[in-house]
Amino acid sequence: METAQLYQSLTFLAYASGAIIVIVGIMLFKVLFDLSKLTRNLNETAEIVKTELEPTLKNVNKSVEIVSGIIIKADAGVNRVKDFIANSPLKILTKLSSVGGSVVKGFFSGLFMALKCGKKK
């Protein structure tokens, strides 16, 4: 009787293992099918992005070239103005205004100091 029960248990184990292997195989097939579908969708999305991005990148590149040209021209203009100011009499006037400002400041501070001293007496 024990041998019959042992054979019955082994038979049940074989059927259960077979069923589990079939279920795992079906799930594995489903996962691989979904993965294949996802890969196709990703490939299509990458192609769409590529076709849409190429003209945009060309426009951005042209815009960068235009802005770069404007910046170079503006920089050259600023350098010309700096050179003009450095070589013109305006340079002396800018120094005179700073010197004149310190002289005027010193004059007024001395005047206020004198008035304070005059008030104390």
PDB file of N, CA and C in Angstrom:
ATOM      1  N   MET A   1       0.805  -1.174   0.000  1.00  0.00           N
ATOM      2  CA  MET A   1       0.000   0.000   0.000  1.00  0.00           C
ATOM      3  C   MET A   1       0.857   1.251   0.000  1.00  0.00           C
ATOM      4  N   GLU A   2       1.993   1.147   0.648  1.00  0.00           N
ATOM      5  CA  GLU A   2       2.861   2.314   0.684  1.00  0.00           C
ATOM      6  C   GLU A   2       3.424   2.615  -0.692  1.00  0.00           C
ATOM      7  N   THR A   3       3.668   1.611  -1.471  1.00  0.00           N
ATOM      8  CA  THR A   3       4.220   1.804  -2.806  1.00  0.00           C
ATOM      9  C   THR A   3       3.193   2.492  -3.698  1.00  0.00           C
ATOM     10  N   ALA A   4       1.934   2.150  -3.564  1.00  0.00           N
ATOM     11  CA  ALA A   4       0.874   2.771  -4.359  1.00  0.00           C
ATOM     12  C   ALA A   4       0.751   4.247  -4.005  1.00  0.00           C
ATOM     13  N   GLN A   5       0.845   4.530  -2.699  1.00  0.00           N
ATOM     14  CA  GLN A   5       0.774   5.933  -2.279  1.00  0.00           C
ATOM     15  C   GLN A   5       1.986   6.713  -2.782  1.00  0.00           C
ATOM     16  N   LEU A   6       3.138   6.083  -2.765  1.00  0.00           N
ATOM     17  CA  LEU A   6       4.357   6.725  -3.250  1.00  0.00           C
ATOM     18  C   LEU A   6       4.243   7.021  -4.745  1.00  0.00           C
ATOM     19  N   TYR A   7       3.730   6.046  -5.528  1.00  0.00           N
ATOM     20  CA  TYR A   7       3.543   6.271  -6.960  1.00  0.00           C
ATOM     21  C   TYR A   7       2.511   7.358  -7.225  1.00  0.00           C
ATOM     22  N   GLN A   8       1.458   7.359  -6.410  1.00  0.00           N
ATOM     23  CA  GLN A   8       0.421   8.373  -6.560  1.00  0.00           C
ATOM     24  C   GLN A   8       0.992   9.759  -6.247  1.00  0.00           C
ATOM     25  N   SER A   9       1.826   9.882  -5.205  1.00  0.00           N
ATOM     26  CA  SER A   9       2.436  11.157  -4.843  1.00  0.00           C
ATOM     27  C   SER A   9       3.398  11.629  -5.920  1.00  0.00           C
ATOM     28  N   LEU A  10       4.182  10.687  -6.453  1.00  0.00           N
ATOM     29  CA  LEU A  10       5.125  11.063  -7.514  1.00  0.00           C
ATOM     30  C   LEU A  10       4.404  11.479  -8.793  1.00  0.00           C
ATOM     31  N   THR A  11       3.292  10.807  -9.080  1.00  0.00           N
ATOM     32  CA  THR A  11       2.494  11.170 -10.252  1.00  0.00           C
ATOM     33  C   THR A  11       1.920  12.573 -10.087  1.00  0.00           C
ATOM     34  N   PHE A  12       1.380  12.858  -8.888  1.00  0.00           N
ATOM     35  CA  PHE A  12       0.846  14.189  -8.608  1.00  0.00           C
ATOM     36  C   PHE A  12       1.942  15.241  -8.727  1.00  0.00           C
ATOM     37  N   LEU A  13       3.136  14.951  -8.197  1.00  0.00           N
ATOM     38  CA  LEU A  13       4.263  15.876  -8.267  1.00  0.00           C
ATOM     39  C   LEU A  13       4.666  16.114  -9.720  1.00  0.00           C
ATOM     40  N   ALA A  14       4.649  15.085 -10.547  1.00  0.00           N
ATOM     41  CA  ALA A  14       5.001  15.234 -11.957  1.00  0.00           C
ATOM     42  C   ALA A  14       3.980  16.108 -12.680  1.00  0.00           C
ATOM     43  N   TYR A  15       2.675  15.857 -12.436  1.00  0.00           N
ATOM     44  CA  TYR A  15       1.640  16.677 -13.065  1.00  0.00           C
ATOM     45  C   TYR A  15       1.720  18.130 -12.591  1.00  0.00           C
ATOM     46  N   ALA A  16       1.922  18.330 -11.288  1.00  0.00           N
ATOM     47  CA  ALA A  16       2.018  19.696 -10.750  1.00  0.00           C
ATOM     48  C   ALA A  16       3.236  20.411 -11.321  1.00  0.00           C
ATOM     49  N   SER A  17       4.363  19.712 -11.414  1.00  0.00           N
ATOM     50  CA  SER A  17       5.578  20.321 -11.984  1.00  0.00           C
ATOM     51  C   SER A  17       5.352  20.661 -13.452  1.00  0.00           C
ATOM     52  N   GLY A  18       4.698  19.786 -14.166  1.00  0.00           N
ATOM     53  CA  GLY A  18       4.402  20.046 -15.586  1.00  0.00           C
ATOM     54  C   GLY A  18       3.506  21.260 -15.744  1.00  0.00           C
ATOM     55  N   ALA A  19       2.484  21.341 -14.890  1.00  0.00           N
ATOM     56  CA  ALA A  19       1.570  22.482 -14.958  1.00  0.00           C
ATOM     57  C   ALA A  19       2.305  23.781 -14.638  1.00  0.00           C
ATOM     58  N   ILE A  20       3.161  23.730 -13.625  1.00  0.00           N
ATOM     59  CA  ILE A  20       3.917  24.939 -13.262  1.00  0.00           C
ATOM     60  C   ILE A  20       4.850  25.345 -14.403  1.00  0.00           C
ATOM     61  N   ILE A  21       5.506  24.356 -15.028  1.00  0.00           N
ATOM     62  CA  ILE A  21       6.405  24.660 -16.149  1.00  0.00           C
ATOM     63  C   ILE A  21       5.618  25.270 -17.311  1.00  0.00           C
ATOM     64  N   VAL A  22       4.425  24.767 -17.578  1.00  0.00           N
ATOM     65  CA  VAL A  22       3.593  25.318 -18.648  1.00  0.00           C
ATOM     66  C   VAL A  22       3.172  26.746 -18.310  1.00  0.00           C
ATOM     67  N   ILE A  23       2.743  26.981 -17.070  1.00  0.00           N
ATOM     68  CA  ILE A  23       2.325  28.328 -16.652  1.00  0.00           C
ATOM     69  C   ILE A  23       3.497  29.311 -16.744  1.00  0.00           C
ATOM     70  N   VAL A  24       4.674  28.888 -16.269  1.00  0.00           N
ATOM     71  CA  VAL A  24       5.859  29.764 -16.335  1.00  0.00           C
ATOM     72  C   VAL A  24       6.231  30.018 -17.789  1.00  0.00           C
ATOM     73  N   GLY A  25       6.120  29.002 -18.645  1.00  0.00           N
ATOM     74  CA  GLY A  25       6.412  29.177 -20.074  1.00  0.00           C
ATOM     75  C   GLY A  25       5.474  30.178 -20.720  1.00  0.00           C
ATOM     76  N   ILE A  26       4.171  30.074 -20.384  1.00  0.00           N
ATOM     77  CA  ILE A  26       3.191  31.022 -20.934  1.00  0.00           C
ATOM     78  C   ILE A  26       3.509  32.444 -20.461  1.00  0.00           C
ATOM     79  N   MET A  27       3.820  32.588 -19.178  1.00  0.00           N
ATOM     80  CA  MET A  27       4.160  33.923 -18.653  1.00  0.00           C
ATOM     81  C   MET A  27       5.429  34.465 -19.306  1.00  0.00           C
ATOM     82  N   LEU A  28       6.416  33.600 -19.496  1.00  0.00           N
ATOM     83  CA  LEU A  28       7.660  34.014 -20.135  1.00  0.00           C
ATOM     84  C   LEU A  28       7.399  34.443 -21.578  1.00  0.00           C
ATOM     85  N   PHE A  29       6.546  33.687 -22.282  1.00  0.00           N
ATOM     86  CA  PHE A  29       6.194  34.050 -23.651  1.00  0.00           C
ATOM     87  C   PHE A  29       5.497  35.419 -23.674  1.00  0.00           C
ATOM     88  N   LYS A  30       4.576  35.637 -22.725  1.00  0.00           N
ATOM     89  CA  LYS A  30       3.860  36.918 -22.644  1.00  0.00           C
ATOM     90  C   LYS A  30       4.827  38.063 -22.374  1.00  0.00           C
ATOM     91  N   VAL A  31       5.773  37.852 -21.465  1.00  0.00           N
ATOM     92  CA  VAL A  31       6.760  38.898 -21.149  1.00  0.00           C
ATOM     93  C   VAL A  31       7.617  39.208 -22.373  1.00  0.00           C
ATOM     94  N   LEU A  32       8.063  38.181 -23.069  1.00  0.00           N
ATOM     95  CA  LEU A  32       8.884  38.393 -24.265  1.00  0.00           C
ATOM     96  C   LEU A  32       8.088  39.089 -25.369  1.00  0.00           C
ATOM     97  N   PHE A  33       6.811  38.734 -25.519  1.00  0.00           N
ATOM     98  CA  PHE A  33       5.958  39.393 -26.504  1.00  0.00           C
ATOM     99  C   PHE A  33       5.794  40.875 -26.172  1.00  0.00           C
ATOM    100  N   ASP A  34       5.511  41.189 -24.893  1.00  0.00           N
ATOM    101  CA  ASP A  34       5.369  42.586 -24.469  1.00  0.00           C
ATOM    102  C   ASP A  34       6.681  43.356 -24.626  1.00  0.00           C
ATOM    103  N   LEU A  35       7.784  42.708 -24.336  1.00  0.00           N
ATOM    104  CA  LEU A  35       9.096  43.343 -24.487  1.00  0.00           C
ATOM    105  C   LEU A  35       9.381  43.645 -25.955  1.00  0.00           C
ATOM    106  N   SER A  36       9.017  42.724 -26.836  1.00  0.00           N
ATOM    107  CA  SER A  36       9.192  42.952 -28.271  1.00  0.00           C
ATOM    108  C   SER A  36       8.333  44.123 -28.744  1.00  0.00           C
ATOM    109  N   LYS A  37       7.099  44.178 -28.267  1.00  0.00           N
ATOM    110  CA  LYS A  37       6.192  45.266 -28.622  1.00  0.00           C
ATOM    111  C   LYS A  37       6.732  46.605 -28.100  1.00  0.00           C
ATOM    112  N   LEU A  38       7.241  46.622 -26.878  1.00  0.00           N
ATOM    113  CA  LEU A  38       7.823  47.828 -26.302  1.00  0.00           C
ATOM    114  C   LEU A  38       9.041  48.280 -27.097  1.00  0.00           C
ATOM    115  N   THR A  39       9.861  47.342 -27.516  1.00  0.00           N
ATOM    116  CA  THR A  39      11.051  47.676 -28.303  1.00  0.00           C
ATOM    117  C   THR A  39      10.655  48.302 -29.643  1.00  0.00           C
ATOM    118  N   ARG A  40       9.638  47.753 -30.284  1.00  0.00           N
ATOM    119  CA  ARG A  40       9.163  48.340 -31.543  1.00  0.00           C
ATOM    120  C   ARG A  40       8.642  49.752 -31.328  1.00  0.00           C
ATOM    121  N   ASN A  41       7.871  49.948 -30.253  1.00  0.00           N
ATOM    122  CA  ASN A  41       7.344  51.289 -29.958  1.00  0.00           C
ATOM    123  C   ASN A  41       8.472  52.274 -29.668  1.00  0.00           C
ATOM    124  N   LEU A  42       9.479  51.835 -28.920  1.00  0.00           N
ATOM    125  CA  LEU A  42      10.613  52.709 -28.632  1.00  0.00           C
ATOM    126  C   LEU A  42      11.371  53.065 -29.901  1.00  0.00           C
ATOM    127  N   ASN A  43      11.515  52.116 -30.796  1.00  0.00           N
ATOM    128  CA  ASN A  43      12.194  52.368 -32.062  1.00  0.00           C
ATOM    129  C   ASN A  43      11.417  53.383 -32.895  1.00  0.00           C
ATOM    130  N   GLU A  44      10.110  53.225 -32.969  1.00  0.00           N
ATOM    131  CA  GLU A  44       9.278  54.173 -33.710  1.00  0.00           C
ATOM    132  C   GLU A  44       9.350  55.567 -33.080  1.00  0.00           C
ATOM    133  N   THR A  45       9.313  55.622 -31.758  1.00  0.00           N
ATOM    134  CA  THR A  45       9.398  56.915 -31.068  1.00  0.00           C
ATOM    135  C   THR A  45      10.741  57.583 -31.326  1.00  0.00           C
ATOM    136  N   ALA A  46      11.812  56.803 -31.304  1.00  0.00           N
ATOM    137  CA  ALA A  46      13.145  57.362 -31.570  1.00  0.00           C
ATOM    138  C   ALA A  46      13.229  57.903 -32.991  1.00  0.00           C
ATOM    139  N   GLU A  47      12.634  57.218 -33.952  1.00  0.00           N
ATOM    140  CA  GLU A  47      12.645  57.703 -35.330  1.00  0.00           C
ATOM    141  C   GLU A  47      11.842  58.984 -35.470  1.00  0.00           C
ATOM    142  N   ILE A  48      10.695  59.056 -34.800  1.00  0.00           N
ATOM    143  CA  ILE A  48       9.877  60.275 -34.850  1.00  0.00           C
ATOM    144  C   ILE A  48      10.635  61.444 -34.236  1.00  0.00           C
ATOM    145  N   VAL A  49      11.248  61.218 -33.088  1.00  0.00           N
ATOM    146  CA  VAL A  49      12.013  62.282 -32.426  1.00  0.00           C
ATOM    147  C   VAL A  49      13.167  62.725 -33.312  1.00  0.00           C
ATOM    148  N   LYS A  50      13.815  61.773 -33.943  1.00  0.00           N
ATOM    149  CA  LYS A  50      14.944  62.109 -34.825  1.00  0.00           C
ATOM    150  C   LYS A  50      14.488  62.977 -35.986  1.00  0.00           C
ATOM    151  N   THR A  51      13.392  62.602 -36.624  1.00  0.00           N
ATOM    152  CA  THR A  51      12.919  63.390 -37.766  1.00  0.00           C
ATOM    153  C   THR A  51      12.435  64.768 -37.341  1.00  0.00           C
ATOM    154  N   GLU A  52      11.874  64.888 -36.160  1.00  0.00           N
ATOM    155  CA  GLU A  52      11.397  66.183 -35.678  1.00  0.00           C
ATOM    156  C   GLU A  52      12.533  67.051 -35.147  1.00  0.00           C
ATOM    157  N   LEU A  53      13.563  66.427 -34.607  1.00  0.00           N
ATOM    158  CA  LEU A  53      14.637  67.178 -33.971  1.00  0.00           C
ATOM    159  C   LEU A  53      15.650  67.725 -34.970  1.00  0.00           C
ATOM    160  N   GLU A  54      15.854  67.060 -36.084  1.00  0.00           N
ATOM    161  CA  GLU A  54      16.857  67.520 -37.047  1.00  0.00           C
ATOM    162  C   GLU A  54      16.578  68.936 -37.548  1.00  0.00           C
ATOM    163  N   PRO A  55      15.362  69.275 -38.008  1.00  0.00           N
ATOM    164  CA  PRO A  55      15.121  70.661 -38.439  1.00  0.00           C
ATOM    165  C   PRO A  55      15.235  71.659 -37.286  1.00  0.00           C
ATOM    166  N   THR A  56      14.805  71.245 -36.117  1.00  0.00           N
ATOM    167  CA  THR A  56      14.888  72.139 -34.956  1.00  0.00           C
ATOM    168  C   THR A  56      16.340  72.436 -34.623  1.00  0.00           C
ATOM    169  N   LEU A  57      17.179  71.418 -34.651  1.00  0.00           N
ATOM    170  CA  LEU A  57      18.600  71.632 -34.362  1.00  0.00           C
ATOM    171  C   LEU A  57      19.256  72.496 -35.434  1.00  0.00           C
ATOM    172  N   LYS A  58      18.844  72.348 -36.691  1.00  0.00           N
ATOM    173  CA  LYS A  58      19.378  73.210 -37.744  1.00  0.00           C
ATOM    174  C   LYS A  58      18.992  74.667 -37.488  1.00  0.00           C
ATOM    175  N   ASN A  59      17.729  74.900 -37.092  1.00  0.00           N
ATOM    176  CA  ASN A  59      17.291  76.266 -36.784  1.00  0.00           C
ATOM    177  C   ASN A  59      18.044  76.838 -35.601  1.00  0.00           C
ATOM    178  N   VAL A  60      18.250  76.027 -34.574  1.00  0.00           N
ATOM    179  CA  VAL A  60      18.987  76.490 -33.397  1.00  0.00           C
ATOM    180  C   VAL A  60      20.425  76.825 -33.785  1.00  0.00           C
ATOM    181  N   ASN A  61      21.023  76.003 -34.631  1.00  0.00           N
ATOM    182  CA  ASN A  61      22.392  76.243 -35.071  1.00  0.00           C
ATOM    183  C   ASN A  61      22.484  77.564 -35.849  1.00  0.00           C
ATOM    184  N   LYS A  62      21.527  77.818 -36.747  1.00  0.00           N
ATOM    185  CA  LYS A  62      21.515  79.086 -37.482  1.00  0.00           C
ATOM    186  C   LYS A  62      21.335  80.260 -36.537  1.00  0.00           C
ATOM    187  N   SER A  63      20.450  80.117 -35.555  1.00  0.00           N
ATOM    188  CA  SER A  63      20.226  81.188 -34.586  1.00  0.00           C
ATOM    189  C   SER A  63      21.482  81.471 -33.783  1.00  0.00           C
ATOM    190  N   VAL A  64      22.182  80.428 -33.392  1.00  0.00           N
ATOM    191  CA  VAL A  64      23.427  80.604 -32.635  1.00  0.00           C
ATOM    192  C   VAL A  64      24.467  81.318 -33.488  1.00  0.00           C
ATOM    193  N   GLU A  65      24.545  80.969 -34.768  1.00  0.00           N
ATOM    194  CA  GLU A  65      25.491  81.644 -35.656  1.00  0.00           C
ATOM    195  C   GLU A  65      25.159  83.124 -35.785  1.00  0.00           C
ATOM    196  N   ILE A  66      23.873  83.451 -35.915  1.00  0.00           N
ATOM    197  CA  ILE A  66      23.459  84.850 -36.045  1.00  0.00           C
ATOM    198  C   ILE A  66      23.786  85.620 -34.770  1.00  0.00           C
ATOM    199  N   VAL A  67      23.440  85.040 -33.624  1.00  0.00           N
ATOM    200  CA  VAL A  67      23.715  85.708 -32.345  1.00  0.00           C
ATOM    201  C   VAL A  67      25.217  85.853 -32.128  1.00  0.00           C
ATOM    202  N   SER A  68      25.979  84.854 -32.519  1.00  0.00           N
ATOM    203  CA  SER A  68      27.430  84.919 -32.375  1.00  0.00           C
ATOM    204  C   SER A  68      27.996  86.050 -33.232  1.00  0.00           C
ATOM    205  N   GLY A  69      27.492  86.189 -34.450  1.00  0.00           N
ATOM    206  CA  GLY A  69      27.932  87.286 -35.316  1.00  0.00           C
ATOM    207  C   GLY A  69      27.603  88.639 -34.722  1.00  0.00           C
ATOM    208  N   ILE A  70      26.406  88.765 -34.161  1.00  0.00           N
ATOM    209  CA  ILE A  70      26.007  90.036 -33.534  1.00  0.00           C
ATOM    210  C   ILE A  70      26.906  90.340 -32.350  1.00  0.00           C
ATOM    211  N   ILE A  71      27.207  89.334 -31.552  1.00  0.00           N
ATOM    212  CA  ILE A  71      28.067  89.541 -30.383  1.00  0.00           C
ATOM    213  C   ILE A  71      29.472  89.954 -30.811  1.00  0.00           C
ATOM    214  N   ILE A  72      29.985  89.333 -31.855  1.00  0.00           N
ATOM    215  CA  ILE A  72      31.325  89.685 -32.339  1.00  0.00           C
ATOM    216  C   ILE A  72      31.341  91.126 -32.842  1.00  0.00           C
ATOM    217  N   LYS A  73      30.302  91.519 -33.593  1.00  0.00           N
ATOM    218  CA  LYS A  73      30.231  92.903 -34.088  1.00  0.00           C
ATOM    219  C   LYS A  73      30.097  93.884 -32.928  1.00  0.00           C
ATOM    220  N   ALA A  74      29.265  93.553 -31.934  1.00  0.00           N
ATOM    221  CA  ALA A  74      29.096  94.446 -30.774  1.00  0.00           C
ATOM    222  C   ALA A  74      30.392  94.559 -29.984  1.00  0.00           C
ATOM    223  N   ASP A  75      31.101  93.457 -29.846  1.00  0.00           N
ATOM    224  CA  ASP A  75      32.377  93.478 -29.130  1.00  0.00           C
ATOM    225  C   ASP A  75      33.390  94.346 -29.860  1.00  0.00           C
ATOM    226  N   ALA A  76      33.420  94.238 -31.179  1.00  0.00           N
ATOM    227  CA  ALA A  76      34.330  95.076 -31.965  1.00  0.00           C
ATOM    228  C   ALA A  76      33.957  96.549 -31.809  1.00  0.00           C
ATOM    229  N   GLY A  77      32.644  96.853 -31.807  1.00  0.00           N
ATOM    230  CA  GLY A  77      32.196  98.241 -31.618  1.00  0.00           C
ATOM    231  C   GLY A  77      32.574  98.773 -30.239  1.00  0.00           C
ATOM    232  N   VAL A  78      32.416  97.956 -29.217  1.00  0.00           N
ATOM    233  CA  VAL A  78      32.785  98.372 -27.853  1.00  0.00           C
ATOM    234  C   VAL A  78      34.283  98.622 -27.765  1.00  0.00           C
ATOM    235  N   ASN A  79      35.068  97.759 -28.403  1.00  0.00           N
ATOM    236  CA  ASN A  79      36.522  97.953 -28.390  1.00  0.00           C
ATOM    237  C   ASN A  79      36.903  99.240 -29.118  1.00  0.00           C
ATOM    238  N   ARG A  80      36.208  99.554 -30.241  1.00  0.00           N
ATOM    239  CA  ARG A  80      36.492 100.802 -30.948  1.00  0.00           C
ATOM    240  C   ARG A  80      36.160 102.009 -30.082  1.00  0.00           C
ATOM    241  N   VAL A  81      35.043 101.952 -29.363  1.00  0.00           N
ATOM    242  CA  VAL A  81      34.662 103.065 -28.483  1.00  0.00           C
ATOM    243  C   VAL A  81      35.669 103.211 -27.353  1.00  0.00           C
ATOM    244  N   LYS A  82      36.124 102.100 -26.789  1.00  0.00           N
ATOM    245  CA  LYS A  82      37.126 102.161 -25.722  1.00  0.00           C
ATOM    246  C   LYS A  82      38.424 102.780 -26.230  1.00  0.00           C
ATOM    247  N   ASP A  83      38.848 102.361 -27.435  1.00  0.00           N
ATOM    248  CA  ASP A  83      40.066 102.926 -28.008  1.00  0.00           C
ATOM    249  C   ASP A  83      39.899 104.416 -28.285  1.00  0.00           C
ATOM    250  N   PHE A  84      38.718 104.803 -28.769  1.00  0.00           N
ATOM    251  CA  PHE A  84      38.467 106.211 -29.049  1.00  0.00           C
ATOM    252  C   PHE A  84      38.531 107.042 -27.769  1.00  0.00           C
ATOM    253  N   ILE A  85      37.916 106.516 -26.721  1.00  0.00           N
ATOM    254  CA  ILE A  85      37.928 107.247 -25.444  1.00  0.00           C
ATOM    255  C   ILE A  85      39.339 107.289 -24.869  1.00  0.00           C
ATOM    256  N   ALA A  86      40.084 106.206 -25.031  1.00  0.00           N
ATOM    257  CA  ALA A  86      41.450 106.174 -24.497  1.00  0.00           C
ATOM    258  C   ALA A  86      42.349 107.161 -25.231  1.00  0.00           C
ATOM    259  N   ASN A  87      42.090 107.418 -26.507  1.00  0.00           N
ATOM    260  CA  ASN A  87      42.940 108.300 -27.297  1.00  0.00           C
ATOM    261  C   ASN A  87      42.390 109.712 -27.423  1.00  0.00           C
ATOM    262  N   SER A  88      41.269 110.008 -26.816  1.00  0.00           N
ATOM    263  CA  SER A  88      40.656 111.324 -26.975  1.00  0.00           C
ATOM    264  C   SER A  88      40.838 112.156 -25.716  1.00  0.00           C
ATOM    265  N   PRO A  89      40.553 113.451 -25.832  1.00  0.00           N
ATOM    266  CA  PRO A  89      40.634 114.321 -24.657  1.00  0.00           C
ATOM    267  C   PRO A  89      39.559 114.009 -23.616  1.00  0.00           C
ATOM    268  N   LEU A  90      38.589 113.207 -23.962  1.00  0.00           N
ATOM    269  CA  LEU A  90      37.553 112.842 -22.992  1.00  0.00           C
ATOM    270  C   LEU A  90      38.146 112.084 -21.807  1.00  0.00           C
ATOM    271  N   LYS A  91      39.263 111.432 -22.043  1.00  0.00           N
ATOM    272  CA  LYS A  91      39.925 110.698 -20.965  1.00  0.00           C
ATOM    273  C   LYS A  91      40.367 111.664 -19.870  1.00  0.00           C
ATOM    274  N   ILE A  92      40.883 112.795 -20.297  1.00  0.00           N
ATOM    275  CA  ILE A  92      41.314 113.810 -19.325  1.00  0.00           C
ATOM    276  C   ILE A  92      40.116 114.364 -18.570  1.00  0.00           C
ATOM    277  N   LEU A  93      38.995 114.551 -19.277  1.00  0.00           N
ATOM    278  CA  LEU A  93      37.797 115.075 -18.621  1.00  0.00           C
ATOM    279  C   LEU A  93      37.255 114.106 -17.569  1.00  0.00           C
ATOM    280  N   THR A  94      37.320 112.817 -17.840  1.00  0.00           N
ATOM    281  CA  THR A  94      36.831 111.856 -16.848  1.00  0.00           C
ATOM    282  C   THR A  94      37.709 111.885 -15.610  1.00  0.00           C
ATOM    283  N   LYS A  95      39.014 112.051 -15.803  1.00  0.00           N
ATOM    284  CA  LYS A  95      39.900 112.142 -14.644  1.00  0.00           C
ATOM    285  C   LYS A  95      39.679 113.459 -13.901  1.00  0.00           C
ATOM    286  N   LEU A  96      39.412 114.532 -14.653  1.00  0.00           N
ATOM    287  CA  LEU A  96      39.169 115.818 -14.007  1.00  0.00           C
ATOM    288  C   LEU A  96      37.892 115.777 -13.171  1.00  0.00           C
ATOM    289  N   SER A  97      36.888 115.092 -13.656  1.00  0.00           N
ATOM    290  CA  SER A  97      35.643 115.034 -12.888  1.00  0.00           C
ATOM    291  C   SER A  97      35.850 114.281 -11.586  1.00  0.00           C
ATOM    292  N   SER A  98      36.656 113.222 -11.602  1.00  0.00           N
ATOM    293  CA  SER A  98      36.894 112.497 -10.352  1.00  0.00           C
ATOM    294  C   SER A  98      37.754 113.330  -9.411  1.00  0.00           C
ATOM    295  N   VAL A  99      38.760 114.008  -9.972  1.00  0.00           N
ATOM    296  CA  VAL A  99      39.603 114.879  -9.133  1.00  0.00           C
ATOM    297  C   VAL A  99      38.787 116.061  -8.628  1.00  0.00           C
ATOM    298  N   GLY A 100      37.990 116.630  -9.524  1.00  0.00           N
ATOM    299  CA  GLY A 100      37.147 117.759  -9.128  1.00  0.00           C
ATOM    300  C   GLY A 100      36.138 117.354  -8.064  1.00  0.00           C
ATOM    301  N   GLY A 101      35.621 116.192  -8.169  1.00  0.00           N
ATOM    302  CA  GLY A 101      34.667 115.707  -7.163  1.00  0.00           C
ATOM    303  C   GLY A 101      35.316 115.568  -5.810  1.00  0.00           C
ATOM    304  N   SER A 102      36.533 115.061  -5.768  1.00  0.00           N
ATOM    305  CA  SER A 102      37.212 114.930  -4.474  1.00  0.00           C
ATOM    306  C   SER A 102      37.590 116.308  -3.921  1.00  0.00           C
ATOM    307  N   VAL A 103      37.937 117.266  -4.806  1.00  0.00           N
ATOM    308  CA  VAL A 103      38.270 118.625  -4.352  1.00  0.00           C
ATOM    309  C   VAL A 103      37.032 119.297  -3.774  1.00  0.00           C
ATOM    310  N   VAL A 104      35.917 119.177  -4.459  1.00  0.00           N
ATOM    311  CA  VAL A 104      34.668 119.782  -3.975  1.00  0.00           C
ATOM    312  C   VAL A 104      34.248 119.140  -2.663  1.00  0.00           C
ATOM    313  N   LYS A 105      34.401 117.866  -2.566  1.00  0.00           N
ATOM    314  CA  LYS A 105      34.055 117.158  -1.332  1.00  0.00           C
ATOM    315  C   LYS A 105      34.937 117.636  -0.176  1.00  0.00           C
ATOM    316  N   GLY A 106      36.229 117.760  -0.453  1.00  0.00           N
ATOM    317  CA  GLY A 106      37.142 118.264   0.585  1.00  0.00           C
ATOM    318  C   GLY A 106      36.820 119.694   0.990  1.00  0.00           C
ATOM    319  N   PHE A 107      36.452 120.538  -0.002  1.00  0.00           N
ATOM    320  CA  PHE A 107      36.104 121.928   0.304  1.00  0.00           C
ATOM    321  C   PHE A 107      34.892 121.997   1.221  1.00  0.00           C
ATOM    322  N   PHE A 108      33.846 121.236   0.884  1.00  0.00           N
ATOM    323  CA  PHE A 108      32.637 121.288   1.709  1.00  0.00           C
ATOM    324  C   PHE A 108      32.853 120.669   3.079  1.00  0.00           C
ATOM    325  N   SER A 109      33.654 119.625   3.174  1.00  0.00           N
ATOM    326  CA  SER A 109      33.909 119.051   4.491  1.00  0.00           C
ATOM    327  C   SER A 109      34.706 120.040   5.345  1.00  0.00           C
ATOM    328  N   GLY A 110      35.651 120.746   4.737  1.00  0.00           N
ATOM    329  CA  GLY A 110      36.394 121.781   5.483  1.00  0.00           C
ATOM    330  C   GLY A 110      35.487 122.913   5.903  1.00  0.00           C
ATOM    331  N   LEU A 111      34.573 123.333   5.042  1.00  0.00           N
ATOM    332  CA  LEU A 111      33.638 124.408   5.361  1.00  0.00           C
ATOM    333  C   LEU A 111      32.741 124.021   6.530  1.00  0.00           C
ATOM    334  N   PHE A 112      32.221 122.816   6.506  1.00  0.00           N
ATOM    335  CA  PHE A 112      31.363 122.367   7.614  1.00  0.00           C
ATOM    336  C   PHE A 112      32.154 122.246   8.912  1.00  0.00           C
ATOM    337  N   MET A 113      33.399 121.827   8.795  1.00  0.00           N
ATOM    338  CA  MET A 113      34.257 121.732   9.990  1.00  0.00           C
ATOM    339  C   MET A 113      34.482 123.118  10.585  1.00  0.00           C
ATOM    340  N   ALA A 114      34.695 124.106   9.717  1.00  0.00           N
ATOM    341  CA  ALA A 114      34.904 125.472  10.192  1.00  0.00           C
ATOM    342  C   ALA A 114      33.638 126.000  10.850  1.00  0.00           C
ATOM    343  N   LEU A 115      32.486 125.690  10.268  1.00  0.00           N
ATOM    344  CA  LEU A 115      31.234 126.149  10.866  1.00  0.00           C
ATOM    345  C   LEU A 115      30.996 125.491  12.212  1.00  0.00           C
ATOM    346  N   LYS A 116      31.358 124.232  12.355  1.00  0.00           N
ATOM    347  CA  LYS A 116      31.209 123.551  13.644  1.00  0.00           C
ATOM    348  C   LYS A 116      32.120 124.170  14.691  1.00  0.00           C
ATOM    349  N   CYS A 117      33.333 124.454  14.279  1.00  0.00           N
ATOM    350  CA  CYS A 117      34.267 125.087  15.228  1.00  0.00           C
ATOM    351  C   CYS A 117      33.773 126.473  15.611  1.00  0.00           C
ATOM    352  N   GLY A 118      33.189 127.193  14.658  1.00  0.00           N
ATOM    353  CA  GLY A 118      32.663 128.533  14.943  1.00  0.00           C
ATOM    354  C   GLY A 118      31.471 128.484  15.883  1.00  0.00           C
ATOM    355  N   LYS A 119      30.674 127.466  15.838  1.00  0.00           N
ATOM    356  CA  LYS A 119      29.506 127.355  16.703  1.00  0.00           C
ATOM    357  C   LYS A 119      29.923 127.074  18.139  1.00  0.00           C
ATOM    358  N   LYS A 120      31.002 126.324  18.329  1.00  0.00           N
ATOM    359  CA  LYS A 120      31.421 125.958  19.687  1.00  0.00           C
ATOM    360  C   LYS A 120      31.860 127.189  20.462  1.00  0.00           C
ATOM    361  N   LYS A 121      32.438 128.182  19.840  1.00  0.00           N
ATOM    362  CA  LYS A 121      32.964 129.359  20.529  1.00  0.00           C
ATOM    363  C   LYS A 121      31.909 130.303  20.833  1.00  0.00           C
TER     364      LYS A 121
END
